[in-house]
Amino acid sequence: MTKDEFIYNICLVYVQHMKICIAYGSGWNTDIFMHLLNKKEEDLISLGKSKEIKVNSQTHLEHVVPRLVLLLETRRLLEEEKLSNEEIAWLLHKHWKVARITKEEQEQLDLKCNLNLKQTMPDGWTFEEGDTLARLKLAKIKLVG
């Protein structure tokens, strides 16, 4: 099994988990994302790091699309019942990415410049067709491999 297939299968497990939670009115938590990949997100789903990172920079592992957005969008799609579990898992696979950014960039995303993108995506962004990097692009955060 390739790494890509592994990630897709984990996404499918997550979609099935969410479907059960919805059916039984059970709660959920965004921490499940870290546990599904055994806290190896940076090894498995990283898009790279900010070009602003220097040797002594304080850094932060940022979910490119916030975990809350991943959770809420998965739930929305399951409740709408327009897409199959497999189609939802592919969308999750597309957007569940992390990047290493500086603490200053994290603050910029979360608090400064009226971006307020800590747990949201830019206006007009959609899970089905949106650019995974839209949030970082709006904050002018550039990644390198």
N, C-alpha and C. Protein backbone atom coordinates (compact mmCIF):
# COMPACT_ATOMS: atom_id res chain seq x y z
N MET A 1 0.84 -1.17 0.00
CA MET A 1 0.00 0.00 0.00
C MET A 1 0.90 1.24 0.00
N THR A 2 0.58 2.19 -0.86
CA THR A 2 1.35 3.43 -0.92
C THR A 2 0.93 4.36 0.22
N LYS A 3 1.74 5.38 0.46
CA LYS A 3 1.40 6.38 1.48
C LYS A 3 0.08 7.06 1.12
N ASP A 4 -0.12 7.37 -0.14
CA ASP A 4 -1.34 8.02 -0.60
C ASP A 4 -2.56 7.14 -0.35
N GLU A 5 -2.44 5.85 -0.63
CA GLU A 5 -3.54 4.92 -0.37
C GLU A 5 -3.82 4.81 1.12
N PHE A 6 -2.75 4.80 1.92
CA PHE A 6 -2.90 4.74 3.37
C PHE A 6 -3.69 5.95 3.87
N ILE A 7 -3.32 7.15 3.43
CA ILE A 7 -4.00 8.37 3.86
C ILE A 7 -5.47 8.33 3.42
N TYR A 8 -5.73 7.93 2.19
CA TYR A 8 -7.11 7.83 1.72
C TYR A 8 -7.91 6.87 2.60
N ASN A 9 -7.34 5.73 2.92
CA ASN A 9 -8.06 4.75 3.75
C ASN A 9 -8.33 5.29 5.16
N ILE A 10 -7.40 6.05 5.71
CA ILE A 10 -7.62 6.69 7.00
C ILE A 10 -8.76 7.71 6.88
N CYS A 11 -8.79 8.46 5.78
CA CYS A 11 -9.88 9.40 5.55
C CYS A 11 -11.22 8.69 5.47
N LEU A 12 -11.24 7.55 4.81
CA LEU A 12 -12.47 6.76 4.71
C LEU A 12 -12.92 6.27 6.08
N VAL A 13 -11.98 5.85 6.91
CA VAL A 13 -12.30 5.45 8.29
C VAL A 13 -12.91 6.63 9.04
N TYR A 14 -12.33 7.82 8.86
CA TYR A 14 -12.85 9.01 9.53
C TYR A 14 -14.29 9.30 9.07
N VAL A 15 -14.53 9.23 7.78
CA VAL A 15 -15.88 9.48 7.26
C VAL A 15 -16.86 8.49 7.86
N GLN A 16 -16.49 7.23 7.92
CA GLN A 16 -17.37 6.22 8.50
C GLN A 16 -17.60 6.49 9.99
N HIS A 17 -16.56 6.91 10.70
CA HIS A 17 -16.68 7.27 12.11
C HIS A 17 -17.67 8.42 12.29
N MET A 18 -17.55 9.45 11.46
CA MET A 18 -18.45 10.60 11.55
C MET A 18 -19.88 10.20 11.24
N LYS A 19 -20.05 9.30 10.29
CA LYS A 19 -21.40 8.83 9.93
C LYS A 19 -22.06 8.15 11.14
N ILE A 20 -21.30 7.36 11.86
CA ILE A 20 -21.80 6.69 13.06
C ILE A 20 -22.13 7.72 14.14
N CYS A 21 -21.24 8.69 14.32
CA CYS A 21 -21.47 9.75 15.32
C CYS A 21 -22.76 10.51 15.03
N ILE A 22 -22.99 10.81 13.77
CA ILE A 22 -24.21 11.53 13.38
C ILE A 22 -25.43 10.67 13.64
N ALA A 23 -25.36 9.41 13.26
CA ALA A 23 -26.51 8.50 13.41
C ALA A 23 -26.91 8.32 14.88
N TYR A 24 -25.93 8.32 15.76
CA TYR A 24 -26.22 8.07 17.17
C TYR A 24 -26.16 9.32 18.02
N GLY A 25 -26.03 10.48 17.39
CA GLY A 25 -26.00 11.72 18.15
C GLY A 25 -24.81 11.84 19.08
N SER A 26 -23.76 11.15 18.73
CA SER A 26 -22.55 11.16 19.55
C SER A 26 -21.74 12.41 19.27
N GLY A 27 -20.96 12.83 20.24
CA GLY A 27 -20.09 13.99 20.06
C GLY A 27 -18.84 13.62 19.29
N TRP A 28 -18.08 14.63 18.92
CA TRP A 28 -16.82 14.43 18.22
C TRP A 28 -15.87 15.54 18.62
N ASN A 29 -14.62 15.34 18.27
CA ASN A 29 -13.57 16.26 18.67
C ASN A 29 -12.54 16.32 17.55
N THR A 30 -12.00 17.50 17.31
CA THR A 30 -11.03 17.65 16.22
C THR A 30 -9.71 16.95 16.51
N ASP A 31 -9.45 16.59 17.75
CA ASP A 31 -8.21 15.88 18.08
C ASP A 31 -8.12 14.52 17.39
N ILE A 32 -9.23 14.00 16.92
CA ILE A 32 -9.21 12.69 16.26
C ILE A 32 -8.25 12.70 15.06
N PHE A 33 -8.09 13.85 14.41
CA PHE A 33 -7.19 13.90 13.26
C PHE A 33 -5.76 13.53 13.64
N MET A 34 -5.30 14.03 14.77
CA MET A 34 -3.94 13.70 15.21
C MET A 34 -3.83 12.22 15.56
N HIS A 35 -4.87 11.67 16.18
CA HIS A 35 -4.82 10.27 16.60
C HIS A 35 -4.90 9.30 15.42
N LEU A 36 -5.65 9.67 14.40
CA LEU A 36 -5.78 8.78 13.24
C LEU A 36 -4.45 8.52 12.56
N LEU A 37 -3.57 9.51 12.59
CA LEU A 37 -2.26 9.33 11.96
C LEU A 37 -1.17 9.12 13.01
N ASN A 38 -1.58 8.70 14.20
CA ASN A 38 -0.63 8.42 15.28
C ASN A 38 0.35 9.56 15.50
N LYS A 39 -0.18 10.79 15.44
CA LYS A 39 0.62 12.00 15.67
C LYS A 39 1.79 12.13 14.69
N LYS A 40 1.64 11.56 13.49
CA LYS A 40 2.69 11.65 12.46
C LYS A 40 2.22 12.47 11.27
N GLU A 41 1.39 13.44 11.53
CA GLU A 41 0.86 14.25 10.43
C GLU A 41 1.98 14.91 9.62
N GLU A 42 2.98 15.42 10.30
CA GLU A 42 4.05 16.11 9.57
C GLU A 42 4.79 15.16 8.65
N ASP A 43 4.93 13.91 9.04
CA ASP A 43 5.61 12.93 8.19
C ASP A 43 4.74 12.49 7.01
N LEU A 44 3.41 12.49 7.21
CA LEU A 44 2.53 11.87 6.22
C LEU A 44 1.78 12.84 5.31
N ILE A 45 1.44 14.03 5.82
CA ILE A 45 0.58 14.91 5.02
C ILE A 45 1.12 16.34 4.92
N SER A 46 2.41 16.51 5.05
CA SER A 46 3.00 17.85 5.01
C SER A 46 3.15 18.36 3.58
N LEU A 47 2.84 19.65 3.42
CA LEU A 47 3.05 20.34 2.15
C LEU A 47 4.37 21.10 2.14
N GLY A 48 5.08 21.09 3.26
CA GLY A 48 6.36 21.77 3.33
C GLY A 48 6.41 22.73 4.49
N LYS A 49 7.28 23.73 4.35
CA LYS A 49 7.45 24.71 5.42
C LYS A 49 7.51 26.11 4.83
N SER A 50 7.27 27.08 5.69
CA SER A 50 7.30 28.47 5.26
C SER A 50 8.70 28.85 4.83
N LYS A 51 8.77 29.66 3.79
CA LYS A 51 10.09 30.14 3.35
C LYS A 51 10.68 31.11 4.37
N GLU A 52 9.89 31.57 5.33
CA GLU A 52 10.36 32.51 6.36
C GLU A 52 11.06 31.82 7.53
N ILE A 53 11.02 30.51 7.59
CA ILE A 53 11.65 29.79 8.70
C ILE A 53 13.17 29.89 8.58
N LYS A 54 13.77 30.31 9.66
CA LYS A 54 15.23 30.40 9.76
C LYS A 54 15.71 29.39 10.80
N VAL A 55 16.99 29.26 10.98
CA VAL A 55 17.56 28.26 11.90
C VAL A 55 16.99 28.37 13.31
N ASN A 56 16.87 29.56 13.84
CA ASN A 56 16.42 29.73 15.22
C ASN A 56 14.95 30.12 15.34
N SER A 57 14.18 29.99 14.27
CA SER A 57 12.77 30.38 14.30
C SER A 57 11.95 29.46 15.21
N GLN A 58 11.03 30.08 15.93
CA GLN A 58 10.02 29.29 16.62
C GLN A 58 8.96 28.96 15.58
N THR A 59 8.57 27.69 15.55
CA THR A 59 7.64 27.27 14.50
C THR A 59 6.40 26.61 15.09
N HIS A 60 5.46 26.41 14.21
CA HIS A 60 4.16 25.82 14.56
C HIS A 60 3.72 24.93 13.40
N LEU A 61 3.22 23.74 13.73
CA LEU A 61 2.66 22.87 12.70
C LEU A 61 1.20 23.27 12.49
N GLU A 62 0.91 23.84 11.34
CA GLU A 62 -0.41 24.40 11.04
C GLU A 62 -1.20 23.48 10.12
N HIS A 63 -2.45 23.24 10.46
CA HIS A 63 -3.35 22.55 9.53
C HIS A 63 -3.74 23.57 8.46
N VAL A 64 -3.43 23.29 7.23
CA VAL A 64 -3.63 24.23 6.14
C VAL A 64 -5.11 24.57 6.02
N VAL A 65 -5.96 23.58 6.09
CA VAL A 65 -7.40 23.77 6.27
C VAL A 65 -7.64 23.38 7.73
N PRO A 66 -8.16 24.28 8.54
CA PRO A 66 -8.31 23.98 9.97
C PRO A 66 -9.10 22.69 10.23
N ARG A 67 -8.70 21.99 11.29
CA ARG A 67 -9.37 20.74 11.63
C ARG A 67 -10.87 20.93 11.84
N LEU A 68 -11.27 22.06 12.41
CA LEU A 68 -12.70 22.31 12.60
C LEU A 68 -13.43 22.38 11.27
N VAL A 69 -12.81 22.99 10.28
CA VAL A 69 -13.41 23.05 8.93
C VAL A 69 -13.53 21.63 8.36
N LEU A 70 -12.47 20.83 8.50
CA LEU A 70 -12.52 19.45 8.02
C LEU A 70 -13.67 18.69 8.66
N LEU A 71 -13.82 18.84 9.96
CA LEU A 71 -14.89 18.15 10.69
C LEU A 71 -16.26 18.63 10.24
N LEU A 72 -16.46 19.94 10.24
CA LEU A 72 -17.78 20.49 9.89
C LEU A 72 -18.17 20.21 8.45
N GLU A 73 -17.21 20.28 7.54
CA GLU A 73 -17.51 20.01 6.14
C GLU A 73 -17.82 18.53 5.91
N THR A 74 -17.08 17.65 6.58
CA THR A 74 -17.38 16.22 6.48
C THR A 74 -18.79 15.96 7.00
N ARG A 75 -19.10 16.54 8.13
CA ARG A 75 -20.45 16.36 8.71
C ARG A 75 -21.51 16.90 7.76
N ARG A 76 -21.30 18.10 7.21
CA ARG A 76 -22.27 18.69 6.28
C ARG A 76 -22.52 17.77 5.10
N LEU A 77 -21.45 17.29 4.50
CA LEU A 77 -21.60 16.43 3.32
C LEU A 77 -22.31 15.12 3.65
N LEU A 78 -22.01 14.57 4.81
CA LEU A 78 -22.70 13.34 5.22
C LEU A 78 -24.19 13.60 5.43
N GLU A 79 -24.51 14.71 6.07
CA GLU A 79 -25.92 15.03 6.33
C GLU A 79 -26.68 15.34 5.04
N GLU A 80 -26.00 15.95 4.06
CA GLU A 80 -26.65 16.25 2.78
C GLU A 80 -26.92 14.99 1.98
N GLU A 81 -26.12 13.95 2.18
CA GLU A 81 -26.27 12.66 1.50
C GLU A 81 -26.23 12.78 -0.03
N LYS A 82 -25.45 13.73 -0.55
CA LYS A 82 -25.32 13.89 -2.00
C LYS A 82 -24.10 13.16 -2.55
N LEU A 83 -23.08 12.96 -1.69
CA LEU A 83 -21.85 12.30 -2.10
C LEU A 83 -21.69 10.98 -1.35
N SER A 84 -20.98 10.06 -1.96
CA SER A 84 -20.70 8.78 -1.30
C SER A 84 -19.62 8.98 -0.23
N ASN A 85 -19.49 8.02 0.65
CA ASN A 85 -18.42 8.05 1.64
C ASN A 85 -17.06 8.17 0.96
N GLU A 86 -16.90 7.47 -0.15
CA GLU A 86 -15.63 7.48 -0.87
C GLU A 86 -15.33 8.86 -1.46
N GLU A 87 -16.35 9.53 -2.00
CA GLU A 87 -16.15 10.88 -2.55
C GLU A 87 -15.80 11.87 -1.44
N ILE A 88 -16.45 11.74 -0.31
CA ILE A 88 -16.15 12.63 0.83
C ILE A 88 -14.73 12.36 1.32
N ALA A 89 -14.34 11.09 1.37
CA ALA A 89 -12.98 10.73 1.81
C ALA A 89 -11.94 11.33 0.87
N TRP A 90 -12.21 11.37 -0.44
CA TRP A 90 -11.26 11.97 -1.38
C TRP A 90 -11.13 13.47 -1.14
N LEU A 91 -12.24 14.14 -0.84
CA LEU A 91 -12.18 15.57 -0.54
C LEU A 91 -11.38 15.80 0.75
N LEU A 92 -11.62 14.97 1.73
CA LEU A 92 -10.87 15.08 2.98
C LEU A 92 -9.39 14.82 2.72
N HIS A 93 -9.10 13.83 1.92
CA HIS A 93 -7.71 13.51 1.54
C HIS A 93 -7.05 14.71 0.86
N LYS A 94 -7.79 15.41 0.04
CA LYS A 94 -7.26 16.58 -0.67
C LYS A 94 -6.90 17.71 0.29
N HIS A 95 -7.74 17.94 1.31
CA HIS A 95 -7.59 19.12 2.16
C HIS A 95 -6.90 18.87 3.51
N TRP A 96 -6.76 17.64 3.93
CA TRP A 96 -6.14 17.35 5.23
C TRP A 96 -4.62 17.39 5.05
N LYS A 97 -4.07 18.59 5.19
CA LYS A 97 -2.64 18.83 4.99
C LYS A 97 -2.12 19.72 6.11
N VAL A 98 -0.83 19.61 6.37
CA VAL A 98 -0.18 20.47 7.36
C VAL A 98 1.03 21.14 6.73
N ALA A 99 1.46 22.22 7.39
CA ALA A 99 2.68 22.93 6.96
C ALA A 99 3.34 23.51 8.20
N ARG A 100 4.63 23.55 8.20
CA ARG A 100 5.38 24.15 9.30
C ARG A 100 5.54 25.64 8.98
N ILE A 101 5.01 26.51 9.86
CA ILE A 101 5.10 27.95 9.67
C ILE A 101 5.73 28.58 10.91
N THR A 102 6.09 29.86 10.80
CA THR A 102 6.66 30.55 11.96
C THR A 102 5.55 30.91 12.94
N LYS A 103 5.93 31.14 14.19
CA LYS A 103 4.96 31.59 15.20
C LYS A 103 4.33 32.91 14.78
N GLU A 104 5.11 33.79 14.18
CA GLU A 104 4.58 35.07 13.71
C GLU A 104 3.51 34.86 12.64
N GLU A 105 3.75 33.92 11.73
CA GLU A 105 2.76 33.62 10.70
C GLU A 105 1.50 33.00 11.30
N GLN A 106 1.69 32.17 12.32
CA GLN A 106 0.53 31.61 13.01
C GLN A 106 -0.32 32.72 13.62
N GLU A 107 0.34 33.66 14.28
CA GLU A 107 -0.38 34.79 14.87
C GLU A 107 -1.08 35.62 13.80
N GLN A 108 -0.43 35.78 12.66
CA GLN A 108 -1.03 36.52 11.55
C GLN A 108 -2.31 35.83 11.10
N LEU A 109 -2.28 34.52 10.96
CA LEU A 109 -3.48 33.77 10.57
C LEU A 109 -4.56 33.87 11.63
N ASP A 110 -4.15 33.72 12.89
CA ASP A 110 -5.11 33.61 13.97
C ASP A 110 -5.69 34.94 14.43
N LEU A 111 -4.86 35.97 14.48
CA LEU A 111 -5.26 37.18 15.17
C LEU A 111 -5.10 38.47 14.40
N LYS A 112 -3.97 38.66 13.76
CA LYS A 112 -3.63 39.95 13.18
C LYS A 112 -4.29 40.19 11.82
N CYS A 113 -4.21 41.41 11.41
CA CYS A 113 -4.63 41.82 10.06
C CYS A 113 -6.10 41.53 9.76
N ASN A 114 -6.89 41.37 10.80
CA ASN A 114 -8.32 41.07 10.63
C ASN A 114 -8.58 39.85 9.76
N LEU A 115 -7.61 38.94 9.69
CA LEU A 115 -7.83 37.73 8.89
C LEU A 115 -8.79 36.78 9.59
N ASN A 116 -8.64 36.65 10.91
CA ASN A 116 -9.51 35.76 11.69
C ASN A 116 -9.69 34.39 11.03
N LEU A 117 -8.56 33.80 10.66
CA LEU A 117 -8.61 32.52 9.95
C LEU A 117 -8.14 31.35 10.83
N LYS A 118 -8.24 31.51 12.14
CA LYS A 118 -7.80 30.44 13.03
C LYS A 118 -8.58 29.15 12.77
N GLN A 119 -9.89 29.26 12.64
CA GLN A 119 -10.71 28.07 12.45
C GLN A 119 -11.65 28.19 11.26
N THR A 120 -11.31 29.04 10.31
CA THR A 120 -12.16 29.22 9.15
C THR A 120 -11.31 29.32 7.88
N MET A 121 -11.99 29.26 6.78
CA MET A 121 -11.36 29.49 5.47
C MET A 121 -11.86 30.82 4.94
N PRO A 122 -11.18 31.38 3.93
CA PRO A 122 -11.61 32.67 3.38
C PRO A 122 -13.03 32.64 2.83
N ASP A 123 -13.68 33.78 2.83
CA ASP A 123 -15.04 33.89 2.29
C ASP A 123 -15.09 33.34 0.87
N GLY A 124 -16.14 32.61 0.58
CA GLY A 124 -16.34 32.05 -0.75
C GLY A 124 -15.68 30.71 -0.98
N TRP A 125 -14.84 30.27 -0.05
CA TRP A 125 -14.14 28.99 -0.20
C TRP A 125 -15.13 27.85 -0.01
N THR A 126 -15.01 26.81 -0.84
CA THR A 126 -15.87 25.62 -0.68
C THR A 126 -15.01 24.36 -0.56
N PHE A 127 -15.50 23.44 0.22
CA PHE A 127 -14.81 22.17 0.42
C PHE A 127 -14.72 21.38 -0.88
N GLU A 128 -15.77 21.46 -1.66
CA GLU A 128 -15.83 20.68 -2.89
C GLU A 128 -14.87 21.18 -3.97
N GLU A 129 -14.67 22.51 -4.08
CA GLU A 129 -13.87 23.04 -5.17
C GLU A 129 -12.76 23.99 -4.73
N GLY A 130 -12.68 24.27 -3.44
CA GLY A 130 -11.74 25.27 -2.95
C GLY A 130 -10.28 24.86 -3.01
N ASP A 131 -9.42 25.87 -3.06
CA ASP A 131 -7.97 25.69 -3.06
C ASP A 131 -7.53 25.39 -1.62
N THR A 132 -6.89 24.27 -1.42
CA THR A 132 -6.41 23.88 -0.10
C THR A 132 -5.54 24.97 0.52
N LEU A 133 -4.78 25.68 -0.29
CA LEU A 133 -3.84 26.70 0.20
C LEU A 133 -4.45 28.10 0.29
N ALA A 134 -5.74 28.24 0.09
CA ALA A 134 -6.36 29.57 0.04
C ALA A 134 -6.09 30.39 1.29
N ARG A 135 -6.13 29.79 2.44
CA ARG A 135 -5.92 30.48 3.71
C ARG A 135 -4.49 31.02 3.81
N LEU A 136 -3.52 30.18 3.45
CA LEU A 136 -2.13 30.62 3.50
C LEU A 136 -1.85 31.68 2.45
N LYS A 137 -2.46 31.54 1.29
CA LYS A 137 -2.25 32.54 0.24
C LYS A 137 -2.79 33.90 0.67
N LEU A 138 -3.95 33.93 1.30
CA LEU A 138 -4.52 35.18 1.77
C LEU A 138 -3.60 35.85 2.80
N ALA A 139 -2.95 35.04 3.62
CA ALA A 139 -2.02 35.56 4.63
C ALA A 139 -0.61 35.78 4.06
N LYS A 140 -0.44 35.51 2.78
CA LYS A 140 0.85 35.68 2.09
C LYS A 140 1.96 34.82 2.69
N ILE A 141 1.59 33.59 3.06
CA ILE A 141 2.55 32.62 3.58
C ILE A 141 2.93 31.70 2.42
N LYS A 142 4.21 31.70 2.07
CA LYS A 142 4.69 30.88 0.96
C LYS A 142 5.44 29.68 1.51
N LEU A 143 5.15 28.51 0.92
CA LEU A 143 5.78 27.27 1.36
C LEU A 143 6.88 26.85 0.40
N VAL A 144 7.86 26.16 0.97
CA VAL A 144 8.91 25.50 0.19
C VAL A 144 8.93 24.04 0.60
N GLY A 145 9.35 23.20 -0.34
CA GLY A 145 9.39 21.76 -0.10
C GLY A 145 10.20 21.40 1.07
